[in-house]
C-alpha cells in the first residue's frame, strides 16, 4: 500500500531522543516521504549538535528539513511544521517518543476505510517511569467532550488541520492536543477519530514531564476548552456531564475496592482512606462507598 504522508517532529532540548524518534520513522514498513523537525528554541549543546548533523547522517534515508525557531510552545512548533507539508496526511510525533515499525501502515489504513475520519492513532506502550499499556478509545465528538481520547502522536488530514485553524497557539500550559481534536471534530458532519487497538506508540514517561505538570492546571484548562467549544458542549450537554460522571464513578469504585482489599488482607489503611471513612464526601457516591467499606470492616 502506497501512502502519501509526511512527518512532523517537534523538539526541545531532547538530546539523542530526537535521533531515536527519526530512526523509528526510517524503520517504518511504509516510511514517510519527508521528515520535518521543528526545534522550539533548544539551548542544550548536545541537542543542537544532533540537529545540525542529522541531515548528513548516513543511517537516515528519508529527506529531512530542520526548522529552528525561538521557544514559543509546542502548538506553534507543530503548526510551523505542518504548514511546510504538502502531503494530504501528516504524522505528528513528539521528539521523545518512538513508533513501532507498522504504525504508519496500520494507522493510515483507517483513513482509506473511512472518509469522515479526521485523525487516527493507536494504543500506547509507556516506558521510563511507568511501564504499561494505555488504550485511548477515539470516537466522535461526544467522548472527547469529557476527556481526550487520542494520543498526541497521530496522523491527521492536512485539509482539516487547515480548516479548523490548527493548534491553538495561545495554549502553552497543556491540553493543546485535546482542544485541537475538538476543533477538527467540529469541522465536518459525522467526523471521528480512529484508533488501532494495538500498542504501536512507545511513549516515554518521567515524573517531571510537561504532561504531568499540566494536570495541576486541569480545571483551568478545561474551563478554557469548554468556553471555546461552548456550542458543542451545549449541544451535547447531557452526554458531556454523564461522561465526566462515569469517569468519577470508575475512579471512586477503584479506590473503594483497594480499601476493601486492604481490610481483607489486614493491611493498615492510609491516612487519606481513614479520613475518607470518618468524613465521606456527600452527593457523589462517597457516603455510599464509606458505608460499604465499614460494613466489610465490621463483618
C-alpha atoms as a PDB file:
ATOM      1  CA  UNK A   1       0.000   0.000   0.000  1.00  0.00           C
ATOM      2  CA  UNK A   2       1.438   3.354  -1.104  1.00  0.00           C
ATOM      3  CA  UNK A   3       0.740   6.227   1.307  1.00  0.00           C
ATOM      4  CA  UNK A   4       1.443   9.893   0.655  1.00  0.00           C
ATOM      5  CA  UNK A   5       2.386  11.095   4.117  1.00  0.00           C
ATOM      6  CA  UNK A   6       4.914  13.445   5.676  1.00  0.00           C
ATOM      7  CA  UNK A   7       6.041  13.520   9.312  1.00  0.00           C
ATOM      8  CA  UNK A   8       6.453  16.480  11.674  1.00  0.00           C
ATOM      9  CA  UNK A   9       8.580  16.037  14.807  1.00  0.00           C
ATOM     10  CA  UNK A  10       8.769  18.733  17.485  1.00  0.00           C
ATOM     11  CA  UNK A  11      11.887  19.037  19.605  1.00  0.00           C
ATOM     12  CA  UNK A  12      13.098  20.954  22.648  1.00  0.00           C
ATOM     13  CA  UNK A  13      16.347  20.005  24.426  1.00  0.00           C
ATOM     14  CA  UNK A  14      15.774  16.307  23.769  1.00  0.00           C
ATOM     15  CA  UNK A  15      19.343  15.260  23.002  1.00  0.00           C
ATOM     16  CA  UNK A  16      19.680  11.825  21.414  1.00  0.00           C
ATOM     17  CA  UNK A  17      15.947  11.137  21.856  1.00  0.00           C
ATOM     18  CA  UNK A  18      15.215  13.138  18.701  1.00  0.00           C
ATOM     19  CA  UNK A  19      17.526  10.837  16.756  1.00  0.00           C
ATOM     20  CA  UNK A  20      15.712   7.792  18.142  1.00  0.00           C
ATOM     21  CA  UNK A  21      12.379   9.278  17.013  1.00  0.00           C
ATOM     22  CA  UNK A  22      13.738   9.827  13.488  1.00  0.00           C
ATOM     23  CA  UNK A  23      15.169   6.310  13.368  1.00  0.00           C
ATOM     24  CA  UNK A  24      11.780   4.868  14.305  1.00  0.00           C
ATOM     25  CA  UNK A  25      10.355   6.623  11.226  1.00  0.00           C
ATOM     26  CA  UNK A  26      13.090   5.228   8.998  1.00  0.00           C
ATOM     27  CA  UNK A  27      12.159   1.706  10.161  1.00  0.00           C
ATOM     28  CA  UNK A  28       8.500   2.047   9.149  1.00  0.00           C
ATOM     29  CA  UNK A  29       7.107  -0.568   6.768  1.00  0.00           C
ATOM     30  CA  UNK A  30       5.673   2.423   4.904  1.00  0.00           C
ATOM     31  CA  UNK A  31       8.033   5.326   5.633  1.00  0.00           C
ATOM     32  CA  UNK A  32       7.005   8.983   5.274  1.00  0.00           C
ATOM     33  CA  UNK A  33       8.010  10.903   2.137  1.00  0.00           C
ATOM     34  CA  UNK A  34       9.772  13.532   4.223  1.00  0.00           C
ATOM     35  CA  UNK A  35      10.528  14.373   7.872  1.00  0.00           C
ATOM     36  CA  UNK A  36      10.241  17.940   9.145  1.00  0.00           C
ATOM     37  CA  UNK A  37      11.847  18.625  12.510  1.00  0.00           C
ATOM     38  CA  UNK A  38      10.819  21.834  14.257  1.00  0.00           C
ATOM     39  CA  UNK A  39      13.174  22.759  17.082  1.00  0.00           C
ATOM     40  CA  UNK A  40      11.412  25.036  19.555  1.00  0.00           C
ATOM     41  CA  UNK A  41      14.373  27.032  20.825  1.00  0.00           C
ATOM     42  CA  UNK A  42      16.669  24.304  22.185  1.00  0.00           C
ATOM     43  CA  UNK A  43      19.608  25.564  24.237  1.00  0.00           C
ATOM     44  CA  UNK A  44      21.243  22.227  25.072  1.00  0.00           C
ATOM     45  CA  UNK A  45      24.527  21.846  23.163  1.00  0.00           C
ATOM     46  CA  UNK A  46      24.091  18.113  22.516  1.00  0.00           C
ATOM     47  CA  UNK A  47      20.601  18.672  21.098  1.00  0.00           C
ATOM     48  CA  UNK A  48      21.819  21.436  18.799  1.00  0.00           C
ATOM     49  CA  UNK A  49      24.755  19.345  17.563  1.00  0.00           C
ATOM     50  CA  UNK A  50      22.476  16.425  16.741  1.00  0.00           C
ATOM     51  CA  UNK A  51      20.098  18.699  14.838  1.00  0.00           C
ATOM     52  CA  UNK A  52      22.990  20.256  12.908  1.00  0.00           C
ATOM     53  CA  UNK A  53      24.296  16.853  11.836  1.00  0.00           C
ATOM     54  CA  UNK A  54      21.105  14.897  11.370  1.00  0.00           C
ATOM     55  CA  UNK A  55      20.646  15.710   7.674  1.00  0.00           C
ATOM     56  CA  UNK A  56      24.052  14.243   6.802  1.00  0.00           C
ATOM     57  CA  UNK A  57      23.634  11.116   8.945  1.00  0.00           C
ATOM     58  CA  UNK A  58      24.126   8.182   6.512  1.00  0.00           C
ATOM     59  CA  UNK A  59      21.784   5.966   8.536  1.00  0.00           C
ATOM     60  CA  UNK A  60      18.838   8.252   7.777  1.00  0.00           C
ATOM     61  CA  UNK A  61      17.409   7.502   4.353  1.00  0.00           C
ATOM     62  CA  UNK A  62      14.448   9.905   4.367  1.00  0.00           C
ATOM     63  CA  UNK A  63      14.778  13.564   3.292  1.00  0.00           C
ATOM     64  CA  UNK A  64      14.827  15.867   6.339  1.00  0.00           C
ATOM     65  CA  UNK A  65      14.054  19.551   6.796  1.00  0.00           C
ATOM     66  CA  UNK A  66      15.130  21.132  10.103  1.00  0.00           C
ATOM     67  CA  UNK A  67      13.411  24.342  11.189  1.00  0.00           C
ATOM     68  CA  UNK A  68      14.774  26.268  14.173  1.00  0.00           C
ATOM     69  CA  UNK A  69      12.634  28.874  15.907  1.00  0.00           C
ATOM     70  CA  UNK A  70      12.586  30.768  19.226  1.00  0.00           C
ATOM     71  CA  UNK A  71      10.800  28.967  22.055  1.00  0.00           C
ATOM     72  CA  UNK A  72       7.077  29.616  21.574  1.00  0.00           C
ATOM     73  CA  UNK A  73       5.493  26.346  22.650  1.00  0.00           C
ATOM     74  CA  UNK A  74       4.561  23.050  21.042  1.00  0.00           C
ATOM     75  CA  UNK A  75       1.407  24.400  19.331  1.00  0.00           C
ATOM     76  CA  UNK A  76       3.406  26.973  17.390  1.00  0.00           C
ATOM     77  CA  UNK A  77       6.052  24.371  16.558  1.00  0.00           C
ATOM     78  CA  UNK A  78       3.506  21.869  15.241  1.00  0.00           C
ATOM     79  CA  UNK A  79       1.700  24.466  13.159  1.00  0.00           C
ATOM     80  CA  UNK A  80       5.026  25.644  11.709  1.00  0.00           C
ATOM     81  CA  UNK A  81       5.942  22.102  10.709  1.00  0.00           C
ATOM     82  CA  UNK A  82       2.552  21.156   9.266  1.00  0.00           C
ATOM     83  CA  UNK A  83       2.466  24.386   7.237  1.00  0.00           C
ATOM     84  CA  UNK A  84       5.594  23.158   5.409  1.00  0.00           C
ATOM     85  CA  UNK A  85       3.997  19.870   4.354  1.00  0.00           C
ATOM     86  CA  UNK A  86       2.302  19.152   1.043  1.00  0.00           C
ATOM     87  CA  UNK A  87       1.031  15.601   1.587  1.00  0.00           C
ATOM     88  CA  UNK A  88      -2.672  15.014   2.376  1.00  0.00           C
ATOM     89  CA  UNK A  89      -1.767  13.071   5.531  1.00  0.00           C
ATOM     90  CA  UNK A  90       0.629  14.352   8.209  1.00  0.00           C
ATOM     91  CA  UNK A  91       2.103  12.373  11.093  1.00  0.00           C
ATOM     92  CA  UNK A  92       2.681  14.439  14.257  1.00  0.00           C
ATOM     93  CA  UNK A  93       5.309  12.931  16.572  1.00  0.00           C
ATOM     94  CA  UNK A  94       6.814  14.234  19.814  1.00  0.00           C
ATOM     95  CA  UNK A  95      10.608  14.197  19.772  1.00  0.00           C
ATOM     96  CA  UNK A  96      10.949  11.978  22.852  1.00  0.00           C
ATOM     97  CA  UNK A  97       8.639   9.218  21.597  1.00  0.00           C
ATOM     98  CA  UNK A  98       9.090   6.391  19.088  1.00  0.00           C
ATOM     99  CA  UNK A  99       6.901   4.323  16.784  1.00  0.00           C
ATOM    100  CA  UNK A 100       6.652   0.604  16.176  1.00  0.00           C
ATOM    101  CA  UNK A 101       7.504  -0.292  12.540  1.00  0.00           C
ATOM    102  CA  UNK A 102       3.900  -0.857  11.399  1.00  0.00           C
ATOM    103  CA  UNK A 103       2.445   2.353  12.894  1.00  0.00           C
ATOM    104  CA  UNK A 104       2.074   4.316   9.650  1.00  0.00           C
ATOM    105  CA  UNK A 105       0.884   1.283   7.686  1.00  0.00           C
ATOM    106  CA  UNK A 106      -1.821   0.317  10.172  1.00  0.00           C
ATOM    107  CA  UNK A 107      -2.993   3.781  11.219  1.00  0.00           C
ATOM    108  CA  UNK A 108      -3.104   5.250   7.700  1.00  0.00           C
ATOM    109  CA  UNK A 109      -5.263   2.330   6.584  1.00  0.00           C
ATOM    110  CA  UNK A 110      -8.075   3.714   8.758  1.00  0.00           C
ATOM    111  CA  UNK A 111      -8.320   6.781   6.509  1.00  0.00           C
ATOM    112  CA  UNK A 112      -8.783   4.651   3.386  1.00  0.00           C
ATOM    113  CA  UNK A 113     -11.718   2.885   5.031  1.00  0.00           C
ATOM    114  CA  UNK A 114     -13.498   5.989   6.366  1.00  0.00           C
ATOM    115  CA  UNK A 115     -13.654   9.396   4.611  1.00  0.00           C
ATOM    116  CA  UNK A 116     -15.141  11.032   7.740  1.00  0.00           C
ATOM    117  CA  UNK A 117     -12.007  10.230   9.765  1.00  0.00           C
ATOM    118  CA  UNK A 118     -10.147  13.462  10.552  1.00  0.00           C
ATOM    119  CA  UNK A 119      -7.309  11.892  12.577  1.00  0.00           C
ATOM    120  CA  UNK A 120      -6.158   8.480  13.763  1.00  0.00           C
ATOM    121  CA  UNK A 121      -3.642   6.877  16.095  1.00  0.00           C
ATOM    122  CA  UNK A 122      -3.147   3.734  18.198  1.00  0.00           C
ATOM    123  CA  UNK A 123      -2.776   2.423  21.724  1.00  0.00           C
ATOM    124  CA  UNK A 124       0.488   3.198  23.523  1.00  0.00           C
ATOM    125  CA  UNK A 125       3.212   1.308  25.364  1.00  0.00           C
ATOM    126  CA  UNK A 126       4.717   3.511  28.050  1.00  0.00           C
ATOM    127  CA  UNK A 127       8.324   3.179  29.153  1.00  0.00           C
ATOM    128  CA  UNK A 128      10.591   5.000  31.579  1.00  0.00           C
ATOM    129  CA  UNK A 129       8.910   5.732  34.920  1.00  0.00           C
ATOM    130  CA  UNK A 130       5.717   3.820  34.054  1.00  0.00           C
ATOM    131  CA  UNK A 131       5.609   0.530  32.156  1.00  0.00           C
ATOM    132  CA  UNK A 132       2.043  -0.020  30.980  1.00  0.00           C
ATOM    133  CA  UNK A 133      -0.311  -0.253  28.016  1.00  0.00           C
ATOM    134  CA  UNK A 134      -2.608   2.755  27.587  1.00  0.00           C
ATOM    135  CA  UNK A 135      -5.733   2.292  25.474  1.00  0.00           C
ATOM    136  CA  UNK A 136      -7.374   5.536  24.271  1.00  0.00           C
ATOM    137  CA  UNK A 137     -10.723   4.978  22.575  1.00  0.00           C
ATOM    138  CA  UNK A 138     -11.043   7.601  19.829  1.00  0.00           C
ATOM    139  CA  UNK A 139     -14.600   8.179  18.580  1.00  0.00           C
ATOM    140  CA  UNK A 140     -16.787  11.087  17.528  1.00  0.00           C
ATOM    141  CA  UNK A 141     -17.005  14.400  19.359  1.00  0.00           C
ATOM    142  CA  UNK A 142     -19.141  13.130  22.271  1.00  0.00           C
ATOM    143  CA  UNK A 143     -16.462  11.165  24.204  1.00  0.00           C
ATOM    144  CA  UNK A 144     -13.953  13.971  23.536  1.00  0.00           C
ATOM    145  CA  UNK A 145     -16.160  16.417  25.458  1.00  0.00           C
ATOM    146  CA  UNK A 146     -15.375  14.526  28.687  1.00  0.00           C
ATOM    147  CA  UNK A 147     -11.689  13.757  28.148  1.00  0.00           C
ATOM    148  CA  UNK A 148      -9.013  13.472  25.480  1.00  0.00           C
ATOM    149  CA  UNK A 149      -9.397  10.149  23.665  1.00  0.00           C
ATOM    150  CA  UNK A 150      -6.414  10.262  21.283  1.00  0.00           C
ATOM    151  CA  UNK A 151      -2.631  10.377  21.800  1.00  0.00           C
ATOM    152  CA  UNK A 152      -0.643  13.485  20.881  1.00  0.00           C
ATOM    153  CA  UNK A 153       1.175  11.320  18.330  1.00  0.00           C
ATOM    154  CA  UNK A 154      -1.289  10.821  15.498  1.00  0.00           C
ATOM    155  CA  UNK A 155      -1.895  11.118  11.762  1.00  0.00           C
ATOM    156  CA  UNK A 156      -4.183  13.925  10.600  1.00  0.00           C
ATOM    157  CA  UNK A 157      -5.809  15.099   7.399  1.00  0.00           C
ATOM    158  CA  UNK A 158      -3.951  18.251   6.405  1.00  0.00           C
ATOM    159  CA  UNK A 159      -7.026  19.921   4.891  1.00  0.00           C
ATOM    160  CA  UNK A 160      -8.918  19.525   8.189  1.00  0.00           C
ATOM    161  CA  UNK A 161      -5.951  20.981  10.112  1.00  0.00           C
ATOM    162  CA  UNK A 162      -6.127  23.992   7.800  1.00  0.00           C
ATOM    163  CA  UNK A 163      -9.920  24.237   8.008  1.00  0.00           C
ATOM    164  CA  UNK A 164     -10.022  24.263  11.831  1.00  0.00           C
ATOM    165  CA  UNK A 165      -7.164  26.755  12.186  1.00  0.00           C
ATOM    166  CA  UNK A 166      -4.570  24.333  13.524  1.00  0.00           C
ATOM    167  CA  UNK A 167      -3.369  24.098  17.098  1.00  0.00           C
ATOM    168  CA  UNK A 168      -4.349  26.974  19.392  1.00  0.00           C
ATOM    169  CA  UNK A 169      -1.049  28.832  19.809  1.00  0.00           C
ATOM    170  CA  UNK A 170      -2.215  30.554  22.989  1.00  0.00           C
ATOM    171  CA  UNK A 171      -2.209  27.202  24.813  1.00  0.00           C
ATOM    172  CA  UNK A 172       1.211  26.765  26.414  1.00  0.00           C
ATOM    173  CA  UNK A 173       0.189  25.040  29.666  1.00  0.00           C
ATOM    174  CA  UNK A 174      -1.002  21.739  28.202  1.00  0.00           C
ATOM    175  CA  UNK A 175      -4.133  20.065  26.782  1.00  0.00           C
ATOM    176  CA  UNK A 176      -3.472  21.630  23.358  1.00  0.00           C
ATOM    177  CA  UNK A 177      -3.978  18.195  21.737  1.00  0.00           C
ATOM    178  CA  UNK A 178      -7.400  17.720  23.327  1.00  0.00           C
ATOM    179  CA  UNK A 179      -8.534  21.168  22.193  1.00  0.00           C
ATOM    180  CA  UNK A 180      -7.169  20.565  18.685  1.00  0.00           C
ATOM    181  CA  UNK A 181      -9.045  17.281  18.329  1.00  0.00           C
ATOM    182  CA  UNK A 182     -12.286  19.010  19.325  1.00  0.00           C
ATOM    183  CA  UNK A 183     -11.636  21.682  16.690  1.00  0.00           C
ATOM    184  CA  UNK A 184     -11.141  19.051  13.990  1.00  0.00           C
ATOM    185  CA  UNK A 185     -14.199  17.059  15.052  1.00  0.00           C
ATOM    186  CA  UNK A 186     -16.314  20.189  14.693  1.00  0.00           C
ATOM    187  CA  UNK A 187     -15.268  20.692  11.063  1.00  0.00           C
ATOM    188  CA  UNK A 188     -17.371  18.130   9.208  1.00  0.00           C
ATOM    189  CA  UNK A 189     -20.562  16.158   9.937  1.00  0.00           C
ATOM    190  CA  UNK A 190     -20.040  12.671  11.390  1.00  0.00           C
ATOM    191  CA  UNK A 191     -16.333  13.376  11.929  1.00  0.00           C
ATOM    192  CA  UNK A 192     -14.489  10.810  14.012  1.00  0.00           C
ATOM    193  CA  UNK A 193     -11.004   9.869  15.195  1.00  0.00           C
ATOM    194  CA  UNK A 194      -9.855   6.288  14.764  1.00  0.00           C
ATOM    195  CA  UNK A 195      -7.675   4.130  16.975  1.00  0.00           C
ATOM    196  CA  UNK A 196      -5.773   0.961  16.044  1.00  0.00           C
ATOM    197  CA  UNK A 197      -6.190  -1.351  19.014  1.00  0.00           C
ATOM    198  CA  UNK A 198      -2.522  -2.296  19.180  1.00  0.00           C
ATOM    199  CA  UNK A 199       0.243  -0.557  21.139  1.00  0.00           C
ATOM    200  CA  UNK A 200       2.201   0.980  18.261  1.00  0.00           C
ATOM    201  CA  UNK A 201       3.485   4.099  20.079  1.00  0.00           C
ATOM    202  CA  UNK A 202       6.400   3.893  22.511  1.00  0.00           C
ATOM    203  CA  UNK A 203       5.604   6.735  24.911  1.00  0.00           C
ATOM    204  CA  UNK A 204       8.318   7.973  27.264  1.00  0.00           C
ATOM    205  CA  UNK A 205       7.235   8.800  30.832  1.00  0.00           C
ATOM    206  CA  UNK A 206       9.051  10.786  33.514  1.00  0.00           C
ATOM    207  CA  UNK A 207       7.991  12.238  36.919  1.00  0.00           C
ATOM    208  CA  UNK A 208       8.710  15.829  35.880  1.00  0.00           C
ATOM    209  CA  UNK A 209       7.361  15.675  32.314  1.00  0.00           C
ATOM    210  CA  UNK A 210       5.340  18.556  30.936  1.00  0.00           C
ATOM    211  CA  UNK A 211       2.221  16.387  30.639  1.00  0.00           C
ATOM    212  CA  UNK A 212       2.365  15.507  34.338  1.00  0.00           C
ATOM    213  CA  UNK A 213       2.795  19.159  35.328  1.00  0.00           C
ATOM    214  CA  UNK A 214      -0.153  20.259  33.176  1.00  0.00           C
ATOM    215  CA  UNK A 215      -2.534  18.162  35.307  1.00  0.00           C
ATOM    216  CA  UNK A 216      -2.152  20.710  38.123  1.00  0.00           C
ATOM    217  CA  UNK A 217      -3.953  23.173  35.835  1.00  0.00           C
ATOM    218  CA  UNK A 218      -6.610  20.726  34.646  1.00  0.00           C
ATOM    219  CA  UNK A 219      -9.653  22.696  35.835  1.00  0.00           C
ATOM    220  CA  UNK A 220      -8.324  25.959  34.423  1.00  0.00           C
ATOM    221  CA  UNK A 221      -7.565  24.340  31.079  1.00  0.00           C
ATOM    222  CA  UNK A 222     -10.923  22.547  30.979  1.00  0.00           C
ATOM    223  CA  UNK A 223     -12.686  25.868  31.543  1.00  0.00           C
ATOM    224  CA  UNK A 224     -10.822  27.320  28.565  1.00  0.00           C
ATOM    225  CA  UNK A 225     -11.759  24.349  26.369  1.00  0.00           C
ATOM    226  CA  UNK A 226     -15.435  24.395  27.415  1.00  0.00           C
ATOM    227  CA  UNK A 227     -15.749  28.123  26.807  1.00  0.00           C
ATOM    228  CA  UNK A 228     -14.030  27.914  23.409  1.00  0.00           C
ATOM    229  CA  UNK A 229     -16.194  24.992  22.283  1.00  0.00           C
ATOM    230  CA  UNK A 230     -19.337  26.096  24.103  1.00  0.00           C
ATOM    231  CA  UNK A 231     -21.705  25.302  21.216  1.00  0.00           C
ATOM    232  CA  UNK A 232     -20.563  21.670  21.131  1.00  0.00           C
ATOM    233  CA  UNK A 233     -20.856  21.328  24.922  1.00  0.00           C
ATOM    234  CA  UNK A 234     -24.282  22.978  24.841  1.00  0.00           C
ATOM    235  CA  UNK A 235     -25.472  20.667  22.054  1.00  0.00           C
ATOM    236  CA  UNK A 236     -24.269  17.526  23.861  1.00  0.00           C
ATOM    237  CA  UNK A 237     -24.572  18.761  27.455  1.00  0.00           C
ATOM    238  CA  UNK A 238     -26.112  15.597  28.914  1.00  0.00           C
ATOM    239  CA  UNK A 239     -23.544  13.309  27.281  1.00  0.00           C
ATOM    240  CA  UNK A 240     -20.658  15.553  28.391  1.00  0.00           C
ATOM    241  CA  UNK A 241     -21.776  15.593  32.039  1.00  0.00           C
ATOM    242  CA  UNK A 242     -22.533  11.871  32.107  1.00  0.00           C
ATOM    243  CA  UNK A 243     -19.158  11.150  30.537  1.00  0.00           C
ATOM    244  CA  UNK A 244     -17.334  13.038  33.276  1.00  0.00           C
ATOM    245  CA  UNK A 245     -19.525  11.380  35.936  1.00  0.00           C
ATOM    246  CA  UNK A 246     -18.745   7.908  34.593  1.00  0.00           C
ATOM    247  CA  UNK A 247     -15.023   8.644  34.922  1.00  0.00           C
ATOM    248  CA  UNK A 248     -15.552   9.845  38.505  1.00  0.00           C
ATOM    249  CA  UNK A 249     -17.591   6.752  39.390  1.00  0.00           C
ATOM    250  CA  UNK A 250     -14.959   4.407  37.954  1.00  0.00           C
ATOM    251  CA  UNK A 251     -12.200   6.064  39.987  1.00  0.00           C
ATOM    252  CA  UNK A 252     -14.255   6.022  43.202  1.00  0.00           C
ATOM    253  CA  UNK A 253     -15.090   2.360  42.651  1.00  0.00           C
ATOM    254  CA  UNK A 254     -11.438   1.507  42.088  1.00  0.00           C
ATOM    255  CA  UNK A 255     -10.374   3.308  45.259  1.00  0.00           C
ATOM    256  CA  UNK A 256     -13.171   1.623  47.252  1.00  0.00           C
ATOM    257  CA  UNK A 257     -12.021  -1.792  46.051  1.00  0.00           C
ATOM    258  CA  UNK A 258      -8.441  -1.006  47.078  1.00  0.00           C
ATOM    259  CA  UNK A 259      -9.565  -0.067  50.603  1.00  0.00           C
ATOM    260  CA  UNK A 260     -11.665  -3.242  50.867  1.00  0.00           C
ATOM    261  CA  UNK A 261      -8.680  -5.279  49.697  1.00  0.00           C
ATOM    262  CA  UNK A 262      -6.536  -3.687  52.416  1.00  0.00           C
ATOM    263  CA  UNK A 263      -9.147  -4.572  55.044  1.00  0.00           C
ATOM    264  CA  UNK A 264      -9.495  -8.158  53.815  1.00  0.00           C
ATOM    265  CA  UNK A 265      -5.724  -8.650  53.921  1.00  0.00           C
ATOM    266  CA  UNK A 266      -5.324  -6.977  57.331  1.00  0.00           C
ATOM    267  CA  UNK A 267      -3.287  -4.077  55.994  1.00  0.00           C
ATOM    268  CA  UNK A 268      -3.292  -0.663  57.650  1.00  0.00           C
ATOM    269  CA  UNK A 269      -5.306   1.997  55.875  1.00  0.00           C
ATOM    270  CA  UNK A 270      -3.636   5.200  54.742  1.00  0.00           C
ATOM    271  CA  UNK A 271      -4.398   8.486  56.479  1.00  0.00           C
ATOM    272  CA  UNK A 272      -6.400   9.612  53.464  1.00  0.00           C
ATOM    273  CA  UNK A 273      -8.504   6.437  53.452  1.00  0.00           C
ATOM    274  CA  UNK A 274      -9.150   6.714  57.195  1.00  0.00           C
ATOM    275  CA  UNK A 275     -10.080  10.376  56.813  1.00  0.00           C
ATOM    276  CA  UNK A 276     -12.464   9.499  53.987  1.00  0.00           C
ATOM    277  CA  UNK A 277     -14.278   6.905  56.123  1.00  0.00           C
ATOM    278  CA  UNK A 278     -14.512   9.336  59.054  1.00  0.00           C
ATOM    279  CA  UNK A 279     -15.821  12.146  56.857  1.00  0.00           C
ATOM    280  CA  UNK A 280     -17.006  10.832  53.466  1.00  0.00           C
ATOM    281  CA  UNK A 281     -17.933  13.131  50.616  1.00  0.00           C
ATOM    282  CA  UNK A 282     -21.653  13.669  50.049  1.00  0.00           C
ATOM    283  CA  UNK A 283     -23.715  13.685  46.868  1.00  0.00           C
ATOM    284  CA  UNK A 284     -21.155  11.940  44.661  1.00  0.00           C
ATOM    285  CA  UNK A 285     -21.410   8.352  45.890  1.00  0.00           C
ATOM    286  CA  UNK A 286     -18.780   8.852  48.597  1.00  0.00           C
ATOM    287  CA  UNK A 287     -21.049   8.190  51.563  1.00  0.00           C
ATOM    288  CA  UNK A 288     -22.433   5.006  49.967  1.00  0.00           C
ATOM    289  CA  UNK A 289     -18.878   3.808  49.373  1.00  0.00           C
ATOM    290  CA  UNK A 290     -17.954   4.524  53.012  1.00  0.00           C
ATOM    291  CA  UNK A 291     -20.968   2.531  54.230  1.00  0.00           C
ATOM    292  CA  UNK A 292     -19.950  -0.463  52.105  1.00  0.00           C
ATOM    293  CA  UNK A 293     -16.362  -0.233  53.359  1.00  0.00           C
ATOM    294  CA  UNK A 294     -17.387  -0.074  57.039  1.00  0.00           C
ATOM    295  CA  UNK A 295     -19.823  -2.966  56.559  1.00  0.00           C
ATOM    296  CA  UNK A 296     -16.956  -5.106  55.242  1.00  0.00           C
ATOM    297  CA  UNK A 297     -14.704  -3.933  58.083  1.00  0.00           C
ATOM    298  CA  UNK A 298     -17.298  -4.721  60.775  1.00  0.00           C
ATOM    299  CA  UNK A 299     -18.250  -8.025  59.202  1.00  0.00           C
END
